[in-house]
Amino acid sequence: MTTFSFDAQVTSAHFDTAGAIFALGDGSVRFEDRTFNAVHDGAILCATVHPSGEGLVTGGDDGRVIWNRRGEAGVLATAKGSNVGGWIDAIDASPETKLIAFSSGKTLSVIDATDMGFRRDFQHERTVSGVAFDPKGRRVATSTYGGACLWFARIAEQKPTKLVWAGSHTGVAFSPDGAFVVTTMQDMQLHGWRLKDSKNMRMGGYPSKVRSMAFLSKGSLLATSGAQGAVLWPFTGSNGPMGREASEIGFDDSTTVTLVAAANPHGRLAAGLADGRVWVADPAGQGLNFVKAGKGAPIVALALSPDAARVAWADEDGQAGVSDVVID
């Protein structure tokens, strides 16, 4: 295991084609080779791997979207001036279309990594809390108060498809087959919609707020945090989890799962715990592999490499690590 000690809290962890990358609350991006870019005037609030697979695209409370590569960084976009504060709240990127989507206040913006002149801005009635591309990179889902919105990424003048459900929705994801949209919610549950008919799916029973979700096993499972183990929802068949119960792995009544990470289509799942431990497991197998067995501060950043062979993590105190994954 390679370990790091950062002097600021880690916002998120990622893997690009060259290795692990950490985005920090002090506005810097730290690479696995221990080089770093100090790029934002303030905290990094969100980050995603660049559509090329090289480096990290970060959004900060300075209102800037920056492409960070090892030894190089450049501003890709800034928040619209009409947004109060101008913070970049959420971000996603599509390797398929090379588009990058980010939100600031009530505005969703889409830019093209291969065409600096392209930009689309879409307005919402409420603040946008989450952003996600569909698997083909042609549509963007946003989460907001009252549900989710679906936008065509390249069309300038349009009205979104609204997926309505009362309450505050805090994050959003498409299923890997593009058939479902799922949101995390403020009130300790998920909500989902089957897109072909907008049928609702209530996914509850959590003892705490769900802050993290990840699809794995070719999209047949959705893993989430928010319980004493990692919660697994079945997404096989045309009905997905409708009328079906979730299962749970890694149950431990002494702690909770704070984050989950996966690398679809692989079957491995990583989980970070509130007591500072990190495990990796194959839900189809037996047992947990603790890549970080020592207890400590809660895990606040977690990533699994695209080949599911390495895991990166960081805790609330700025301690971080990158480890190979070995599952018996």
Protein backbone atom coordinates (compact mmCIF):
# COMPACT_ATOMS: atom_id res chain seq x y z
CA MET A 1 0.00 0.00 0.00
CA THR A 2 1.13 3.53 -0.83
CA THR A 3 0.06 6.02 1.83
CA PHE A 4 -0.30 9.79 1.91
CA SER A 5 -0.87 12.41 4.60
CA PHE A 6 -2.57 15.52 3.28
CA ASP A 7 -2.96 18.79 5.19
CA ALA A 8 -6.53 19.26 3.94
CA GLN A 9 -9.59 17.06 3.75
CA VAL A 10 -10.01 15.06 0.58
CA THR A 11 -13.11 15.85 -1.50
CA SER A 12 -12.94 12.75 -3.71
CA ALA A 13 -10.68 10.00 -5.06
CA HIS A 14 -10.40 8.83 -8.67
CA PHE A 15 -8.38 6.71 -11.09
CA ASP A 16 -7.37 7.93 -14.54
CA THR A 17 -5.32 5.94 -17.07
CA ALA A 18 -2.10 6.61 -15.14
CA GLY A 19 -3.12 6.03 -11.53
CA ALA A 20 -4.90 7.43 -8.50
CA ILE A 21 -5.81 11.11 -8.10
CA PHE A 22 -7.15 12.96 -5.06
CA ALA A 23 -9.09 16.25 -5.12
CA LEU A 24 -8.67 18.30 -1.93
CA GLY A 25 -10.55 20.92 0.00
CA ASP A 26 -7.60 23.31 -0.23
CA GLY A 27 -8.07 23.61 -4.01
CA SER A 28 -5.26 21.25 -4.98
CA VAL A 29 -5.17 18.03 -6.98
CA ARG A 30 -2.71 15.37 -5.76
CA PHE A 31 -1.48 12.58 -8.02
CA GLU A 32 -0.28 9.13 -7.03
CA ASP A 33 3.30 10.00 -8.09
CA ARG A 34 3.15 12.75 -5.41
CA THR A 35 3.09 15.62 -7.89
CA PHE A 36 0.30 18.14 -7.42
CA ASN A 37 -1.53 21.06 -8.99
CA ALA A 38 -2.68 23.97 -6.83
CA VAL A 39 -5.45 25.23 -9.08
CA HIS A 40 -8.56 26.53 -7.31
CA ASP A 41 -8.87 29.65 -5.20
CA GLY A 42 -10.84 27.84 -2.52
CA ALA A 43 -12.13 24.31 -2.11
CA ILE A 44 -12.70 21.70 -4.80
CA LEU A 45 -16.37 20.77 -4.48
CA CYS A 46 -16.65 18.09 -7.18
CA ALA A 47 -14.50 16.19 -9.66
CA THR A 48 -14.64 13.58 -12.41
CA VAL A 49 -12.16 11.92 -14.73
CA HIS A 50 -11.68 13.81 -18.02
CA PRO A 51 -13.50 12.23 -21.01
CA SER A 52 -10.11 11.34 -22.52
CA GLY A 53 -9.27 9.28 -19.45
CA GLU A 54 -6.29 11.55 -18.74
CA GLY A 55 -6.41 13.67 -15.61
CA LEU A 56 -9.21 15.12 -13.56
CA VAL A 57 -11.83 17.79 -14.25
CA THR A 58 -12.54 19.71 -11.05
CA GLY A 59 -15.18 22.25 -10.03
CA GLY A 60 -14.52 24.71 -7.22
CA ASP A 61 -16.16 27.32 -5.07
CA ASP A 62 -14.26 29.85 -7.21
CA GLY A 63 -16.71 29.11 -10.03
CA ARG A 64 -14.13 27.51 -12.31
CA VAL A 65 -13.99 24.13 -14.09
CA ILE A 66 -10.36 23.04 -14.54
CA TRP A 67 -8.70 20.15 -16.39
CA ASN A 68 -5.85 18.87 -14.25
CA ARG A 69 -3.09 16.76 -15.78
CA ARG A 70 0.26 15.88 -14.27
CA GLY A 71 2.27 19.09 -14.44
CA GLU A 72 -0.40 20.97 -16.38
CA ALA A 73 -3.79 22.56 -15.73
CA GLY A 74 -6.17 24.74 -17.71
CA VAL A 75 -9.55 26.39 -17.19
CA LEU A 76 -12.29 24.83 -19.32
CA ALA A 77 -15.25 26.95 -18.20
CA THR A 78 -16.63 29.23 -15.52
CA ALA A 79 -20.03 29.45 -13.87
CA LYS A 80 -22.56 31.83 -15.36
CA GLY A 81 -22.33 35.25 -13.75
CA SER A 82 -25.98 35.22 -12.73
CA ASN A 83 -25.45 32.42 -10.23
CA VAL A 84 -25.18 33.60 -6.65
CA GLY A 85 -21.76 32.56 -5.35
CA GLY A 86 -20.87 30.83 -8.61
CA TRP A 87 -19.98 27.54 -6.98
CA ILE A 88 -19.60 24.45 -9.17
CA ASP A 89 -21.75 21.97 -7.25
CA ALA A 90 -21.75 18.79 -9.35
CA ILE A 91 -19.94 17.46 -12.42
CA ASP A 92 -19.85 14.48 -14.77
CA ALA A 93 -18.16 13.58 -18.07
CA SER A 94 -18.89 11.23 -20.96
CA PRO A 95 -16.03 9.33 -22.66
CA GLU A 96 -18.46 8.44 -25.47
CA THR A 97 -19.34 11.99 -26.56
CA LYS A 98 -16.44 13.90 -24.91
CA LEU A 99 -18.95 16.16 -23.18
CA ILE A 100 -18.62 17.57 -19.67
CA ALA A 101 -21.68 18.63 -17.66
CA PHE A 102 -21.59 20.71 -14.49
CA SER A 103 -24.04 22.61 -12.31
CA SER A 104 -23.91 25.94 -10.56
CA GLY A 105 -26.93 27.05 -8.61
CA LYS A 106 -30.00 26.49 -10.79
CA THR A 107 -27.99 26.15 -14.02
CA LEU A 108 -26.81 23.00 -15.77
CA SER A 109 -24.01 23.70 -18.27
CA VAL A 110 -22.64 21.36 -20.94
CA ILE A 111 -19.30 21.89 -22.70
CA ASP A 112 -17.35 19.85 -25.26
CA ALA A 113 -13.81 18.78 -24.38
CA THR A 114 -12.93 18.80 -28.11
CA ASP A 115 -14.62 22.12 -29.00
CA MET A 116 -13.99 25.07 -26.70
CA GLY A 117 -16.66 27.11 -28.51
CA PHE A 118 -19.50 24.76 -27.58
CA ARG A 119 -21.62 25.46 -24.52
CA ARG A 120 -25.22 24.90 -23.52
CA ASP A 121 -26.87 26.31 -20.37
CA PHE A 122 -30.15 24.90 -19.04
CA GLN A 123 -32.16 26.59 -16.30
CA HIS A 124 -34.02 24.87 -13.44
CA GLU A 125 -36.60 26.15 -10.99
CA ARG A 126 -34.55 24.92 -8.02
CA THR A 127 -30.87 24.35 -7.26
CA VAL A 128 -29.26 21.42 -9.06
CA SER A 129 -27.63 18.97 -6.65
CA GLY A 130 -26.45 16.16 -8.95
CA VAL A 131 -25.49 15.60 -12.59
CA ALA A 132 -25.12 12.37 -14.59
CA PHE A 133 -24.77 11.41 -18.25
CA ASP A 134 -26.64 8.48 -19.71
CA PRO A 135 -24.47 5.57 -20.97
CA LYS A 136 -24.33 6.97 -24.52
CA GLY A 137 -23.49 10.48 -23.35
CA ARG A 138 -26.42 12.02 -25.21
CA ARG A 139 -28.68 12.97 -22.31
CA VAL A 140 -27.97 14.48 -18.91
CA ALA A 141 -29.99 13.85 -15.76
CA THR A 142 -30.07 16.38 -12.95
CA SER A 143 -31.38 15.97 -9.41
CA THR A 144 -33.17 18.83 -7.71
CA TYR A 145 -35.98 19.51 -5.27
CA GLY A 146 -39.07 17.63 -6.43
CA GLY A 147 -37.37 15.02 -8.60
CA ALA A 148 -35.07 14.80 -11.61
CA CYS A 149 -34.86 16.40 -15.06
CA LEU A 150 -33.64 14.86 -18.32
CA TRP A 151 -31.97 17.08 -20.94
CA PHE A 152 -30.57 16.36 -24.39
CA ALA A 153 -26.97 17.44 -24.00
CA ARG A 154 -26.50 19.23 -27.34
CA ILE A 155 -29.90 20.78 -28.03
CA ALA A 156 -30.04 24.48 -27.19
CA GLU A 157 -33.76 25.21 -26.90
CA GLN A 158 -35.77 22.51 -25.17
CA LYS A 159 -37.98 21.65 -22.24
CA PRO A 160 -36.72 18.87 -19.99
CA THR A 161 -38.48 15.61 -19.27
CA LYS A 162 -39.45 15.87 -15.61
CA LEU A 163 -39.39 12.86 -13.30
CA VAL A 164 -41.47 13.98 -10.36
CA TRP A 165 -41.31 12.83 -6.75
CA ALA A 166 -41.79 15.05 -3.71
CA GLY A 167 -38.78 15.82 -1.55
CA SER A 168 -35.16 16.89 -1.84
CA HIS A 169 -33.11 14.76 -4.26
CA THR A 170 -29.38 15.01 -3.59
CA GLY A 171 -27.69 12.93 -6.31
CA VAL A 172 -28.51 11.08 -9.52
CA ALA A 173 -27.35 8.15 -11.67
CA PHE A 174 -28.40 6.27 -14.80
CA SER A 175 -28.38 2.48 -14.81
CA PRO A 176 -25.70 1.16 -17.21
CA ASP A 177 -28.37 0.02 -19.69
CA GLY A 178 -29.98 3.47 -19.67
CA ALA A 179 -33.35 2.05 -18.63
CA PHE A 180 -33.57 3.57 -15.14
CA VAL A 181 -32.71 6.79 -13.32
CA VAL A 182 -32.07 6.63 -9.57
CA THR A 183 -31.69 9.50 -7.11
CA THR A 184 -30.48 9.69 -3.54
CA MET A 185 -32.72 11.69 -1.22
CA GLN A 186 -32.39 13.82 1.87
CA ASP A 187 -34.79 11.63 3.85
CA MET A 188 -32.89 8.32 4.03
CA GLN A 189 -34.09 6.63 0.85
CA LEU A 190 -33.55 6.29 -2.87
CA HIS A 191 -36.07 6.94 -5.57
CA GLY A 192 -36.09 5.54 -9.09
CA TRP A 193 -37.94 5.78 -12.37
CA ARG A 194 -38.22 3.33 -15.26
CA LEU A 195 -37.77 5.64 -18.23
CA LYS A 196 -39.95 3.84 -20.77
CA ASP A 197 -43.08 4.63 -18.75
CA SER A 198 -41.84 6.90 -15.90
CA LYS A 199 -43.01 4.33 -13.36
CA ASN A 200 -41.82 5.14 -9.84
CA MET A 201 -39.67 2.96 -7.61
CA ARG A 202 -39.47 3.64 -3.87
CA MET A 203 -36.28 2.21 -2.40
CA GLY A 204 -36.29 2.75 1.35
CA GLY A 205 -35.57 1.11 4.68
CA TYR A 206 -32.26 2.87 5.35
CA PRO A 207 -31.20 3.84 8.88
CA SER A 208 -29.26 6.87 7.63
CA LYS A 209 -28.90 9.14 4.61
CA VAL A 210 -27.60 7.51 1.41
CA ARG A 211 -24.55 9.47 0.26
CA SER A 212 -23.06 7.07 -2.28
CA MET A 213 -24.20 4.58 -4.92
CA ALA A 214 -22.48 2.53 -7.62
CA PHE A 215 -23.52 0.00 -10.25
CA LEU A 216 -21.53 -3.23 -10.65
CA SER A 217 -21.70 -6.72 -12.21
CA LYS A 218 -22.68 -5.47 -15.69
CA GLY A 219 -25.34 -3.27 -14.14
CA SER A 220 -27.19 -6.13 -12.48
CA LEU A 221 -26.61 -4.68 -9.00
CA LEU A 222 -26.77 -1.21 -7.49
CA ALA A 223 -24.74 -0.85 -4.29
CA THR A 224 -25.33 1.97 -1.81
CA SER A 225 -24.08 3.30 1.50
CA GLY A 226 -26.43 4.32 4.31
CA ALA A 227 -26.58 1.14 6.40
CA GLN A 228 -24.41 -1.13 8.59
CA GLY A 229 -23.41 -3.01 5.44
CA ALA A 230 -23.40 -2.30 1.72
CA VAL A 231 -26.97 -2.48 0.42
CA LEU A 232 -27.45 -4.25 -2.94
CA TRP A 233 -30.50 -3.68 -5.14
CA PRO A 234 -31.19 -6.09 -8.03
CA PHE A 235 -31.43 -4.47 -11.49
CA THR A 236 -31.97 -7.56 -13.63
CA GLY A 237 -34.92 -7.79 -15.98
CA SER A 238 -37.20 -5.07 -17.30
CA ASN A 239 -38.62 -4.23 -13.87
CA GLY A 240 -35.31 -3.69 -12.06
CA PRO A 241 -35.84 -3.62 -8.27
CA MET A 242 -39.62 -3.09 -8.48
CA GLY A 243 -41.32 -5.47 -6.09
CA ARG A 244 -38.02 -6.96 -4.96
CA GLU A 245 -36.04 -6.74 -1.74
CA ALA A 246 -32.48 -5.47 -1.32
CA SER A 247 -29.73 -7.60 0.20
CA GLU A 248 -26.79 -6.54 2.35
CA ILE A 249 -23.14 -7.60 2.57
CA GLY A 250 -20.51 -6.74 5.14
CA PHE A 251 -23.02 -6.11 7.94
CA ASP A 252 -21.36 -4.76 11.08
CA ASP A 253 -23.57 -3.31 13.80
CA SER A 254 -20.64 -1.34 15.26
CA THR A 255 -20.28 1.00 12.26
CA THR A 256 -21.87 2.15 9.00
CA VAL A 257 -20.85 2.21 5.33
CA THR A 258 -20.12 5.80 4.35
CA LEU A 259 -19.10 5.25 0.70
CA VAL A 260 -19.23 2.56 -1.97
CA ALA A 261 -17.28 2.32 -5.23
CA ALA A 262 -17.38 -0.06 -8.18
CA ALA A 263 -16.01 -0.39 -11.70
CA ASN A 264 -18.85 -1.68 -13.84
CA PRO A 265 -18.91 -4.19 -15.59
CA HIS A 266 -16.69 -5.88 -12.98
CA GLY A 267 -18.23 -7.59 -9.96
CA ARG A 268 -16.04 -6.16 -7.22
CA LEU A 269 -17.35 -3.66 -4.70
CA ALA A 270 -15.34 -1.40 -2.40
CA ALA A 271 -16.80 0.05 0.79
CA GLY A 272 -15.47 2.72 3.15
CA LEU A 273 -16.67 2.67 6.74
CA ALA A 274 -17.37 5.26 9.40
CA ASP A 275 -14.74 3.64 11.63
CA GLY A 276 -11.99 4.21 9.04
CA ARG A 277 -11.76 0.72 7.57
CA VAL A 278 -12.01 -0.15 3.87
CA TRP A 279 -12.98 -3.49 2.38
CA VAL A 280 -13.37 -4.98 -1.09
CA ALA A 281 -15.62 -7.93 -1.87
CA ASP A 282 -17.22 -9.84 -4.70
CA PRO A 283 -20.92 -10.17 -3.79
CA ALA A 284 -20.99 -13.50 -5.62
CA GLY A 285 -18.20 -14.85 -3.40
CA GLN A 286 -17.56 -15.19 0.32
CA GLY A 287 -15.97 -12.85 2.84
CA LEU A 288 -14.48 -9.38 2.86
CA ASN A 289 -10.93 -8.35 2.02
CA PHE A 290 -9.92 -5.46 4.32
CA VAL A 291 -7.44 -3.36 2.35
CA LYS A 292 -7.40 -0.97 5.32
CA ALA A 293 -8.02 -2.91 8.52
CA GLY A 294 -6.94 -0.26 11.02
CA LYS A 295 -9.68 1.90 12.50
CA GLY A 296 -9.58 5.69 12.42
CA ALA A 297 -11.45 8.69 11.10
CA PRO A 298 -14.44 8.11 8.78
CA ILE A 299 -13.71 7.38 5.12
CA VAL A 300 -14.69 10.40 3.00
CA ALA A 301 -13.26 9.46 -0.44
CA LEU A 302 -13.17 6.12 -2.24
CA ALA A 303 -12.47 4.85 -5.76
CA LEU A 304 -11.96 1.53 -7.52
CA SER A 305 -9.73 1.45 -10.60
CA PRO A 306 -11.35 0.73 -14.01
CA ASP A 307 -9.96 -2.82 -13.96
CA ALA A 308 -11.15 -3.27 -10.35
CA ALA A 309 -7.60 -4.23 -9.34
CA ARG A 310 -6.76 -1.22 -7.14
CA VAL A 311 -8.55 0.89 -4.56
CA ALA A 312 -7.89 4.46 -3.39
CA TRP A 313 -9.28 5.90 -0.17
CA ALA A 314 -8.98 8.87 2.15
CA ASP A 315 -10.30 9.62 5.63
CA GLU A 316 -11.63 12.72 7.33
CA ASP A 317 -8.20 13.57 8.79
CA GLY A 318 -6.43 13.67 5.41
CA GLN A 319 -4.85 10.23 5.64
CA ALA A 320 -5.05 8.40 2.30
CA GLY A 321 -3.84 5.30 0.54
CA VAL A 322 -3.74 3.32 -2.69
CA SER A 323 -3.70 -0.49 -2.51
CA ASP A 324 -3.82 -3.50 -4.80
CA VAL A 325 -6.93 -5.64 -4.41
CA VAL A 326 -6.50 -9.33 -3.66
CA ILE A 327 -9.62 -11.47 -3.22
CA ASP A 328 -9.24 -15.12 -2.40
